[in-house]
Amino acid sequence: MKLLLDENLSRRILPFLEIDFPGSTQVALIGMERASDEEIWHYAKNNGFCIVTKDADFYDLSLVKGAPPKVIWLKSGNVTKSAVAQILLTNRPYIEEMLATIDTTCVELY
């Protein structure tokens, strides 16, 4: 599963995710730092990414548009980069299970 980190998440998290989430990237690394949520949504959909964000915007889009792409909404508040990486890595089995179901468009993690 490839993750596309929203601009509100540091690209410095990516090295920690390489083994468990190969092919993951962050919006600034693909030249989309000024892109709208809609543009990021379409990029993720067309390129097989799951969007990881701290904003409700992509959750709202998932309600309106459905999946793909699927969304991981981090509701952990202000935490360190390593804490974000740990949340994703620790919850990988849960993320994979939930995102494999047809009716799940968004996974919320705390």
Protein backbone atom coordinates (compact mmCIF):
# COMPACT_ATOMS: atom_id res chain seq x y z
CA MET A 1 0.00 0.00 0.00
CA LYS A 2 1.40 3.36 -1.09
CA LEU A 3 0.72 6.35 1.12
CA LEU A 4 0.46 9.95 -0.07
CA LEU A 5 1.21 12.23 2.86
CA ASP A 6 -0.72 15.49 2.84
CA GLU A 7 1.24 18.74 3.08
CA ASN A 8 0.49 18.92 6.81
CA LEU A 9 2.72 15.87 7.36
CA SER A 10 6.48 16.06 7.10
CA ARG A 11 8.30 14.33 4.28
CA ARG A 12 10.91 13.37 6.88
CA ILE A 13 8.53 10.60 7.98
CA LEU A 14 9.01 8.74 4.70
CA PRO A 15 12.31 6.96 5.51
CA PHE A 16 10.59 5.32 8.49
CA LEU A 17 7.78 4.05 6.24
CA GLU A 18 9.87 2.69 3.33
CA ILE A 19 9.80 -0.96 4.36
CA ASP A 20 6.15 -1.19 5.41
CA PHE A 21 4.69 1.24 2.88
CA PRO A 22 6.97 1.10 -0.19
CA GLY A 23 6.41 3.72 -2.88
CA SER A 24 4.97 6.26 -0.45
CA THR A 25 5.59 9.97 -0.94
CA GLN A 26 4.50 13.42 0.18
CA VAL A 27 2.65 16.04 -1.88
CA ALA A 28 5.56 18.51 -1.96
CA LEU A 29 7.87 15.82 -3.34
CA ILE A 30 5.62 15.38 -6.37
CA GLY A 31 5.24 19.12 -6.97
CA MET A 32 1.74 19.44 -5.51
CA GLU A 33 2.40 21.67 -2.50
CA ARG A 34 0.03 24.30 -3.88
CA ALA A 35 -2.51 21.85 -5.31
CA SER A 36 -6.11 21.87 -4.20
CA ASP A 37 -7.52 18.98 -2.19
CA GLU A 38 -9.47 17.98 -5.30
CA GLU A 39 -6.27 17.82 -7.39
CA ILE A 40 -4.51 15.75 -4.72
CA TRP A 41 -7.56 13.47 -4.55
CA HIS A 42 -7.42 12.84 -8.31
CA TYR A 43 -3.67 12.27 -8.25
CA ALA A 44 -4.02 9.71 -5.46
CA LYS A 45 -6.89 8.00 -7.27
CA ASN A 46 -5.06 7.82 -10.60
CA ASN A 47 -1.79 6.63 -9.07
CA GLY A 48 -2.94 4.08 -6.49
CA PHE A 49 -2.23 6.04 -3.32
CA CYS A 50 -4.01 6.12 0.02
CA ILE A 51 -4.09 9.70 1.37
CA VAL A 52 -2.78 10.31 4.90
CA THR A 53 -3.87 13.60 6.46
CA LYS A 54 -4.57 15.46 9.68
CA ASP A 55 -7.41 17.44 8.07
CA ALA A 56 -11.10 16.64 7.82
CA ASP A 57 -11.13 17.84 4.19
CA PHE A 58 -10.21 14.48 2.70
CA TYR A 59 -12.65 12.70 4.99
CA ASP A 60 -15.36 15.00 3.63
CA LEU A 61 -14.29 14.22 0.06
CA SER A 62 -14.43 10.50 0.82
CA LEU A 63 -18.05 10.89 1.92
CA VAL A 64 -18.98 12.71 -1.26
CA LYS A 65 -16.87 10.85 -3.81
CA GLY A 66 -16.36 7.44 -2.23
CA ALA A 67 -13.21 5.48 -2.90
CA PRO A 68 -10.66 5.24 -4.35
CA PRO A 69 -8.61 6.77 -2.98
CA LYS A 70 -9.05 5.72 0.59
CA VAL A 71 -8.09 8.05 3.43
CA ILE A 72 -6.20 7.66 6.69
CA TRP A 73 -7.22 10.52 8.97
CA LEU A 74 -4.74 11.07 11.81
CA LYS A 75 -6.55 12.58 14.76
CA SER A 76 -3.58 12.41 17.11
CA GLY A 77 -3.17 16.16 17.47
CA ASN A 78 0.22 17.83 17.51
CA VAL A 79 2.74 15.02 17.79
CA THR A 80 6.30 14.51 16.62
CA LYS A 81 7.26 13.10 13.24
CA SER A 82 8.42 9.90 14.87
CA ALA A 83 5.10 9.59 16.71
CA VAL A 84 3.21 9.89 13.41
CA ALA A 85 5.42 7.22 11.85
CA GLN A 86 4.89 4.98 14.87
CA ILE A 87 1.10 5.41 14.68
CA LEU A 88 1.12 4.35 11.03
CA LEU A 89 3.52 1.44 11.55
CA THR A 90 1.80 0.11 14.68
CA ASN A 91 -1.60 0.28 13.02
CA ARG A 92 -0.54 -1.18 9.67
CA PRO A 93 -2.48 -4.47 10.10
CA TYR A 94 -5.61 -2.54 11.12
CA ILE A 95 -5.17 -0.08 8.24
CA GLU A 96 -4.78 -2.90 5.71
CA GLU A 97 -7.78 -4.78 7.09
CA MET A 98 -10.06 -1.75 7.12
CA LEU A 99 -9.00 -0.43 3.73
CA ALA A 100 -9.51 -3.87 2.18
CA THR A 101 -13.23 -3.70 2.89
CA ILE A 102 -15.34 -2.25 0.13
CA ASP A 103 -17.49 -0.02 2.32
CA THR A 104 -14.63 1.64 4.22
CA THR A 105 -13.44 4.90 2.68
CA CYS A 106 -11.66 6.40 5.69
CA VAL A 107 -9.74 5.02 8.67
CA GLU A 108 -9.42 7.30 11.70
CA LEU A 109 -6.36 6.84 13.91
CA TYR A 110 -5.69 8.47 17.26
